[in-house]
Structures are given as C-alpha cells and as structure tokens.
Amino acid sequence: MEEKHEYFTFTKSFILDSEKRFRTKLINSLAGIRQVALVGTKSSAGVENLAIFNSLIHLGAHPPLLGLISRPDTVSRDTLENIIDNGKYTLNFINRKWMKDAHQTSARYAKEVSEFSATDFSSEYIGDCSAPFVKEAEIKIEMKLQQILDIEINNTKLLIGSVEWIQVPTERFTEDGLVNHHDLLLSGGLDAYYSAEMIAQLEYAKP
C-alpha cells in the first residue's frame, strides 16, 4: 500500500514575503545536514575568536582546498576580518556533547571579547600556526587563506583556504584515507543540531 503524506508547499513569492527569521530558517535547514566547524582566528590586537560555521565546502584534493561562506559584511564580521588580516585560521570538529558551547559561539560578542572565555572551550597553539585551535576538538585542521571570491547576488564571500595540517584520532582514520565523523556535531540550520552515524563504506564504483 502506498504511504500517504501531507505536504506544505511554498512558492517563491511566499518565501520572499515571509518574515525574515522564518525565511532564513527555512532555506538554511532546506540545505540539509552539514558539518559543524568551529573556526578559530586571532585579531591583529591579539584577541582570540571562535565562531561556528555550517558552510564548509570541499573544493578539491589536488591541491587540498576547503571553502567557507562568510555572510555579508554589512556588519562587523570578526572571523572574516581576522582571516583577511592574518591569513591563518583553524577548523575544529567537535563531539556532539559540546553542542551548547558550540551554539554559544554564534552569539554577537563585542570584538574585544573572546568566545573561548564565554564558553568551556580552551584554546591551544600547535606548531607555528598563529591561529588558535580548540583543545577539545577531535579533528583539527590548520588552514591558510588562498583566495576570496565575492558572490554578488547576495553579497556573501567564499573564503578558499589550503589545508596545511591535519590531526585525526587513530580510531577515526582508515588506511585508505577515510575520516570517520561518527558522533561529531552536525548542523541542520541556525539552531538545529544532529550527530553523524556511519552507515557503510562501499567499494569504488565501476561500470
């Protein structure tokens, strides 16, 4: 027997006319579940900054590049400014148990206030990376800014960075290069969070 469903339908005109927060949450969550990346930066004044992003994009492995979408800089964007000023930043993937602290980094703190001091996260410095890592993160990635692309249609920016260094727990890594994200924190929008479950690893598909 065919299963029956009820549906909501939204026209473009309805979406554009809807209340801003509703529209933002609808389209943000429509994109599906994404990796939560806590982006660590430091200002020119030496203030550590930590911000949650759910827009991490794989751009290629040869060379290894990852992208982040930065929202319009019509207001102060500390993470964007710090990356432009210093060129280095970190990506930190955390266990789902850190959900509330991760969410708290989305609050609009004054530029001189570090999100590390407003949460239970601790900063740490590894090697010669000038940007702070999250000590509690299970996966840590050092990034170097390579290019910024302006997306004119909505005034966002695509930050393209090269992967300079990676730290992955041995239990999350397989010999063929796979990184397992099981139980890491994922985002389904502005305030909805999920955790990852690995279903299977399949062989390379051939005709």
C-alpha atoms as a PDB file:
ATOM      1  CA  MET A   1       0.000   0.000   0.000  1.00  0.00           C
ATOM      2  CA  GLU A   2       1.324   3.397  -0.972  1.00  0.00           C
ATOM      3  CA  GLU A   3       2.097   5.567   2.021  1.00  0.00           C
ATOM      4  CA  LYS A   4       0.136   8.823   2.117  1.00  0.00           C
ATOM      5  CA  HIS A   5       1.812  12.102   3.059  1.00  0.00           C
ATOM      6  CA  GLU A   6       0.598  15.605   3.720  1.00  0.00           C
ATOM      7  CA  TYR A   7       2.737  18.454   2.431  1.00  0.00           C
ATOM      8  CA  PHE A   8       3.448  22.110   2.903  1.00  0.00           C
ATOM      9  CA  THR A   9       4.143  23.972  -0.318  1.00  0.00           C
ATOM     10  CA  PHE A  10       5.919  27.316  -0.612  1.00  0.00           C
ATOM     11  CA  THR A  11       6.029  29.500  -3.701  1.00  0.00           C
ATOM     12  CA  LYS A  12       8.959  31.843  -4.274  1.00  0.00           C
ATOM     13  CA  SER A  13       6.704  34.851  -3.722  1.00  0.00           C
ATOM     14  CA  PHE A  14       5.545  33.420  -0.381  1.00  0.00           C
ATOM     15  CA  ILE A  15       9.149  32.777   0.657  1.00  0.00           C
ATOM     16  CA  LEU A  16      10.232  36.314  -0.255  1.00  0.00           C
ATOM     17  CA  ASP A  17       7.259  37.866   1.550  1.00  0.00           C
ATOM     18  CA  SER A  18       7.600  35.747   4.687  1.00  0.00           C
ATOM     19  CA  GLU A  19       9.028  37.015   7.961  1.00  0.00           C
ATOM     20  CA  LYS A  20      12.835  37.258   7.754  1.00  0.00           C
ATOM     21  CA  ARG A  21      13.687  34.820  10.551  1.00  0.00           C
ATOM     22  CA  PHE A  22      11.206  32.229   9.239  1.00  0.00           C
ATOM     23  CA  ARG A  23      12.624  32.581   5.706  1.00  0.00           C
ATOM     24  CA  THR A  24      16.202  32.294   6.939  1.00  0.00           C
ATOM     25  CA  LYS A  25      15.482  29.170   8.968  1.00  0.00           C
ATOM     26  CA  LEU A  26      13.502  27.552   6.139  1.00  0.00           C
ATOM     27  CA  ILE A  27      16.187  27.965   3.478  1.00  0.00           C
ATOM     28  CA  ASN A  28      19.077  27.298   5.854  1.00  0.00           C
ATOM     29  CA  SER A  29      17.606  23.999   7.021  1.00  0.00           C
ATOM     30  CA  LEU A  30      16.477  23.090   3.491  1.00  0.00           C
ATOM     31  CA  ALA A  31      20.130  22.664   2.513  1.00  0.00           C
ATOM     32  CA  GLY A  32      20.323  19.633   4.782  1.00  0.00           C
ATOM     33  CA  ILE A  33      22.719  18.477   7.476  1.00  0.00           C
ATOM     34  CA  ARG A  34      26.263  19.838   7.366  1.00  0.00           C
ATOM     35  CA  GLN A  35      29.484  19.553   9.322  1.00  0.00           C
ATOM     36  CA  VAL A  36      29.837  21.950  12.243  1.00  0.00           C
ATOM     37  CA  ALA A  37      33.199  23.680  12.023  1.00  0.00           C
ATOM     38  CA  LEU A  38      34.389  25.912  14.824  1.00  0.00           C
ATOM     39  CA  VAL A  39      36.636  28.452  13.128  1.00  0.00           C
ATOM     40  CA  GLY A  40      39.489  29.710  15.275  1.00  0.00           C
ATOM     41  CA  THR A  41      41.141  33.037  14.472  1.00  0.00           C
ATOM     42  CA  LYS A  42      43.099  35.788  16.187  1.00  0.00           C
ATOM     43  CA  SER A  43      42.761  39.528  15.642  1.00  0.00           C
ATOM     44  CA  SER A  44      45.650  41.867  14.985  1.00  0.00           C
ATOM     45  CA  ALA A  45      45.160  43.076  18.564  1.00  0.00           C
ATOM     46  CA  GLY A  46      45.725  39.527  19.825  1.00  0.00           C
ATOM     47  CA  VAL A  47      42.102  38.686  20.721  1.00  0.00           C
ATOM     48  CA  GLU A  48      41.201  35.036  20.127  1.00  0.00           C
ATOM     49  CA  ASN A  49      37.962  34.455  18.252  1.00  0.00           C
ATOM     50  CA  LEU A  50      35.861  31.320  17.816  1.00  0.00           C
ATOM     51  CA  ALA A  51      32.806  31.109  15.554  1.00  0.00           C
ATOM     52  CA  ILE A  52      30.516  28.312  14.446  1.00  0.00           C
ATOM     53  CA  PHE A  53      30.109  27.733  10.694  1.00  0.00           C
ATOM     54  CA  ASN A  54      27.995  25.156   8.857  1.00  0.00           C
ATOM     55  CA  SER A  55      29.040  26.141   5.352  1.00  0.00           C
ATOM     56  CA  LEU A  56      32.225  24.112   4.955  1.00  0.00           C
ATOM     57  CA  ILE A  57      32.700  23.057   1.314  1.00  0.00           C
ATOM     58  CA  HIS A  58      35.079  20.506  -0.204  1.00  0.00           C
ATOM     59  CA  LEU A  59      36.634  22.197  -3.229  1.00  0.00           C
ATOM     60  CA  GLY A  60      39.286  19.683  -4.220  1.00  0.00           C
ATOM     61  CA  ALA A  61      42.054  17.369  -3.051  1.00  0.00           C
ATOM     62  CA  HIS A  62      44.777  18.254  -5.578  1.00  0.00           C
ATOM     63  CA  PRO A  63      45.676  20.680  -4.060  1.00  0.00           C
ATOM     64  CA  PRO A  64      43.687  20.189  -0.830  1.00  0.00           C
ATOM     65  CA  LEU A  65      41.220  23.085  -0.630  1.00  0.00           C
ATOM     66  CA  LEU A  66      38.226  23.798   1.604  1.00  0.00           C
ATOM     67  CA  GLY A  67      35.800  26.693   1.325  1.00  0.00           C
ATOM     68  CA  LEU A  68      33.717  28.654   3.825  1.00  0.00           C
ATOM     69  CA  ILE A  69      30.872  31.032   3.093  1.00  0.00           C
ATOM     70  CA  SER A  70      31.023  34.290   5.035  1.00  0.00           C
ATOM     71  CA  ARG A  71      27.786  36.236   5.342  1.00  0.00           C
ATOM     72  CA  PRO A  72      27.543  39.838   4.044  1.00  0.00           C
ATOM     73  CA  ASP A  73      29.981  42.164   5.792  1.00  0.00           C
ATOM     74  CA  THR A  74      27.384  44.902   6.231  1.00  0.00           C
ATOM     75  CA  VAL A  75      28.088  44.460   9.952  1.00  0.00           C
ATOM     76  CA  SER A  76      31.367  43.612  11.648  1.00  0.00           C
ATOM     77  CA  ARG A  77      32.481  40.056  10.863  1.00  0.00           C
ATOM     78  CA  ASP A  78      35.325  39.310  13.251  1.00  0.00           C
ATOM     79  CA  THR A  79      36.193  35.951  11.721  1.00  0.00           C
ATOM     80  CA  LEU A  80      36.345  37.387   8.201  1.00  0.00           C
ATOM     81  CA  GLU A  81      38.423  40.372   9.317  1.00  0.00           C
ATOM     82  CA  ASN A  82      40.856  38.186  11.250  1.00  0.00           C
ATOM     83  CA  ILE A  83      41.343  35.795   8.328  1.00  0.00           C
ATOM     84  CA  ILE A  84      41.980  38.676   5.934  1.00  0.00           C
ATOM     85  CA  ASP A  85      44.403  40.319   8.359  1.00  0.00           C
ATOM     86  CA  ASN A  86      46.397  37.225   9.330  1.00  0.00           C
ATOM     87  CA  GLY A  87      45.813  34.658   6.602  1.00  0.00           C
ATOM     88  CA  LYS A  88      45.676  31.718   9.024  1.00  0.00           C
ATOM     89  CA  TYR A  89      42.687  30.059  10.677  1.00  0.00           C
ATOM     90  CA  THR A  90      41.727  26.694  12.111  1.00  0.00           C
ATOM     91  CA  LEU A  91      38.814  24.323  11.582  1.00  0.00           C
ATOM     92  CA  ASN A  92      37.783  22.294  14.595  1.00  0.00           C
ATOM     93  CA  PHE A  93      35.312  19.380  14.555  1.00  0.00           C
ATOM     94  CA  ILE A  94      33.813  18.526  17.930  1.00  0.00           C
ATOM     95  CA  ASN A  95      31.859  15.737  19.574  1.00  0.00           C
ATOM     96  CA  ARG A  96      28.115  16.260  19.839  1.00  0.00           C
ATOM     97  CA  LYS A  97      28.391  16.614  23.640  1.00  0.00           C
ATOM     98  CA  TRP A  98      29.782  20.136  23.039  1.00  0.00           C
ATOM     99  CA  MET A  99      26.597  21.269  21.276  1.00  0.00           C
ATOM    100  CA  LYS A 100      25.597  24.054  23.706  1.00  0.00           C
ATOM    101  CA  ASP A 101      29.066  25.582  23.857  1.00  0.00           C
ATOM    102  CA  ALA A 102      29.353  25.412  20.070  1.00  0.00           C
ATOM    103  CA  HIS A 103      25.993  27.135  19.660  1.00  0.00           C
ATOM    104  CA  GLN A 104      27.009  29.840  22.116  1.00  0.00           C
ATOM    105  CA  THR A 105      29.828  30.938  19.810  1.00  0.00           C
ATOM    106  CA  SER A 106      27.150  32.220  17.411  1.00  0.00           C
ATOM    107  CA  ALA A 107      26.268  34.996  19.892  1.00  0.00           C
ATOM    108  CA  ARG A 108      27.294  38.524  18.927  1.00  0.00           C
ATOM    109  CA  TYR A 109      30.033  39.352  21.399  1.00  0.00           C
ATOM    110  CA  ALA A 110      31.980  42.596  21.324  1.00  0.00           C
ATOM    111  CA  LYS A 111      35.172  42.469  19.276  1.00  0.00           C
ATOM    112  CA  GLU A 112      37.339  42.556  22.399  1.00  0.00           C
ATOM    113  CA  VAL A 113      35.555  39.537  23.951  1.00  0.00           C
ATOM    114  CA  SER A 114      36.863  36.056  23.137  1.00  0.00           C
ATOM    115  CA  GLU A 115      34.340  33.261  22.671  1.00  0.00           C
ATOM    116  CA  PHE A 116      36.831  30.987  24.407  1.00  0.00           C
ATOM    117  CA  SER A 117      36.227  32.951  27.614  1.00  0.00           C
ATOM    118  CA  ALA A 118      32.448  32.816  27.115  1.00  0.00           C
ATOM    119  CA  THR A 119      32.363  29.010  26.734  1.00  0.00           C
ATOM    120  CA  ASP A 120      34.080  25.967  28.200  1.00  0.00           C
ATOM    121  CA  PHE A 121      36.324  25.609  25.165  1.00  0.00           C
ATOM    122  CA  SER A 122      40.069  26.040  25.624  1.00  0.00           C
ATOM    123  CA  SER A 123      42.443  27.464  23.050  1.00  0.00           C
ATOM    124  CA  GLU A 124      45.722  25.794  22.170  1.00  0.00           C
ATOM    125  CA  TYR A 125      48.522  26.530  19.730  1.00  0.00           C
ATOM    126  CA  ILE A 126      50.202  23.808  17.702  1.00  0.00           C
ATOM    127  CA  GLY A 127      53.380  24.177  15.674  1.00  0.00           C
ATOM    128  CA  ASP A 128      53.838  27.581  14.072  1.00  0.00           C
ATOM    129  CA  CYS A 129      50.129  28.194  13.429  1.00  0.00           C
ATOM    130  CA  SER A 130      49.272  31.704  14.629  1.00  0.00           C
ATOM    131  CA  ALA A 131      45.552  30.930  14.972  1.00  0.00           C
ATOM    132  CA  PRO A 132      44.144  29.063  17.981  1.00  0.00           C
ATOM    133  CA  PHE A 133      42.827  25.505  17.835  1.00  0.00           C
ATOM    134  CA  VAL A 134      40.052  24.210  20.074  1.00  0.00           C
ATOM    135  CA  LYS A 135      41.776  21.915  22.542  1.00  0.00           C
ATOM    136  CA  GLU A 136      38.641  19.799  22.977  1.00  0.00           C
ATOM    137  CA  ALA A 137      38.157  19.239  19.223  1.00  0.00           C
ATOM    138  CA  GLU A 138      38.605  15.696  17.949  1.00  0.00           C
ATOM    139  CA  ILE A 139      39.633  16.748  14.448  1.00  0.00           C
ATOM    140  CA  LYS A 140      41.844  19.818  13.951  1.00  0.00           C
ATOM    141  CA  ILE A 141      42.796  21.435  10.659  1.00  0.00           C
ATOM    142  CA  GLU A 142      45.183  24.308  10.020  1.00  0.00           C
ATOM    143  CA  MET A 143      44.120  26.491   7.106  1.00  0.00           C
ATOM    144  CA  LYS A 144      45.832  29.188   5.039  1.00  0.00           C
ATOM    145  CA  LEU A 145      43.776  31.712   3.081  1.00  0.00           C
ATOM    146  CA  GLN A 146      44.354  31.468  -0.680  1.00  0.00           C
ATOM    147  CA  GLN A 147      41.534  33.392  -2.318  1.00  0.00           C
ATOM    148  CA  ILE A 148      38.319  35.281  -1.605  1.00  0.00           C
ATOM    149  CA  LEU A 149      35.523  35.256  -4.170  1.00  0.00           C
ATOM    150  CA  ASP A 150      32.751  37.848  -3.929  1.00  0.00           C
ATOM    151  CA  ILE A 151      29.308  36.413  -4.617  1.00  0.00           C
ATOM    152  CA  GLU A 152      27.490  39.472  -5.908  1.00  0.00           C
ATOM    153  CA  ILE A 153      23.954  38.061  -5.931  1.00  0.00           C
ATOM    154  CA  ASN A 154      23.744  38.156  -2.109  1.00  0.00           C
ATOM    155  CA  ASN A 155      26.967  39.930  -1.060  1.00  0.00           C
ATOM    156  CA  THR A 156      28.483  36.865   0.597  1.00  0.00           C
ATOM    157  CA  LYS A 157      32.090  35.784   0.235  1.00  0.00           C
ATOM    158  CA  LEU A 158      33.603  32.395  -0.491  1.00  0.00           C
ATOM    159  CA  LEU A 159      36.812  32.003   1.503  1.00  0.00           C
ATOM    160  CA  ILE A 160      39.096  29.443  -0.130  1.00  0.00           C
ATOM    161  CA  GLY A 161      41.840  28.023   2.037  1.00  0.00           C
ATOM    162  CA  SER A 162      44.514  25.383   1.641  1.00  0.00           C
ATOM    163  CA  VAL A 163      44.791  22.547   4.135  1.00  0.00           C
ATOM    164  CA  GLU A 164      48.170  22.952   5.828  1.00  0.00           C
ATOM    165  CA  TRP A 165      47.972  20.371   8.640  1.00  0.00           C
ATOM    166  CA  ILE A 166      45.505  17.787   9.940  1.00  0.00           C
ATOM    167  CA  GLN A 167      45.148  15.946  13.245  1.00  0.00           C
ATOM    168  CA  VAL A 168      42.746  12.985  13.336  1.00  0.00           C
ATOM    169  CA  PRO A 169      42.395  10.399  16.145  1.00  0.00           C
ATOM    170  CA  THR A 170      43.637   6.976  15.078  1.00  0.00           C
ATOM    171  CA  GLU A 171      40.244   5.420  15.786  1.00  0.00           C
ATOM    172  CA  ARG A 172      38.650   7.809  13.264  1.00  0.00           C
ATOM    173  CA  PHE A 173      41.026   7.012  10.427  1.00  0.00           C
ATOM    174  CA  THR A 174      41.324   4.094   7.999  1.00  0.00           C
ATOM    175  CA  GLU A 175      44.344   3.059   5.926  1.00  0.00           C
ATOM    176  CA  ASP A 176      42.709   4.148   2.675  1.00  0.00           C
ATOM    177  CA  GLY A 177      42.366   7.738   3.941  1.00  0.00           C
ATOM    178  CA  LEU A 178      38.763   7.780   5.161  1.00  0.00           C
ATOM    179  CA  VAL A 179      37.969  10.055   8.117  1.00  0.00           C
ATOM    180  CA  ASN A 180      35.025   8.769  10.181  1.00  0.00           C
ATOM    181  CA  HIS A 181      32.742  11.533  11.530  1.00  0.00           C
ATOM    182  CA  HIS A 182      30.656   9.259  13.769  1.00  0.00           C
ATOM    183  CA  ASP A 183      29.144  11.189  16.724  1.00  0.00           C
ATOM    184  CA  LEU A 184      30.625  14.500  15.638  1.00  0.00           C
ATOM    185  CA  LEU A 185      28.333  17.530  15.807  1.00  0.00           C
ATOM    186  CA  LEU A 186      26.394  18.427  12.670  1.00  0.00           C
ATOM    187  CA  SER A 187      24.091  21.353  11.914  1.00  0.00           C
ATOM    188  CA  GLY A 188      20.751  21.435  10.140  1.00  0.00           C
ATOM    189  CA  GLY A 189      20.283  25.191  10.241  1.00  0.00           C
ATOM    190  CA  LEU A 190      20.564  28.096  12.638  1.00  0.00           C
ATOM    191  CA  ASP A 191      19.616  26.224  15.793  1.00  0.00           C
ATOM    192  CA  ALA A 192      19.051  22.558  14.897  1.00  0.00           C
ATOM    193  CA  TYR A 193      21.799  20.042  15.582  1.00  0.00           C
ATOM    194  CA  TYR A 194      22.407  16.406  14.673  1.00  0.00           C
ATOM    195  CA  SER A 195      25.093  13.787  15.085  1.00  0.00           C
ATOM    196  CA  ALA A 196      26.698  11.602  12.454  1.00  0.00           C
ATOM    197  CA  GLU A 197      26.315   7.846  12.095  1.00  0.00           C
ATOM    198  CA  MET A 198      28.395   5.935   9.590  1.00  0.00           C
ATOM    199  CA  ILE A 199      26.233   3.505   7.615  1.00  0.00           C
ATOM    200  CA  ALA A 200      28.810   1.782   5.421  1.00  0.00           C
ATOM    201  CA  GLN A 201      31.953   2.221   3.365  1.00  0.00           C
ATOM    202  CA  LEU A 202      31.420   0.927  -0.159  1.00  0.00           C
ATOM    203  CA  GLU A 203      33.936  -0.069  -2.806  1.00  0.00           C
ATOM    204  CA  TYR A 204      34.862   2.369  -5.570  1.00  0.00           C
ATOM    205  CA  ALA A 205      32.039   2.260  -8.120  1.00  0.00           C
ATOM    206  CA  LYS A 206      32.911   1.000 -11.588  1.00  0.00           C
ATOM    207  CA  PRO A 207      30.770   0.377 -14.692  1.00  0.00           C
END
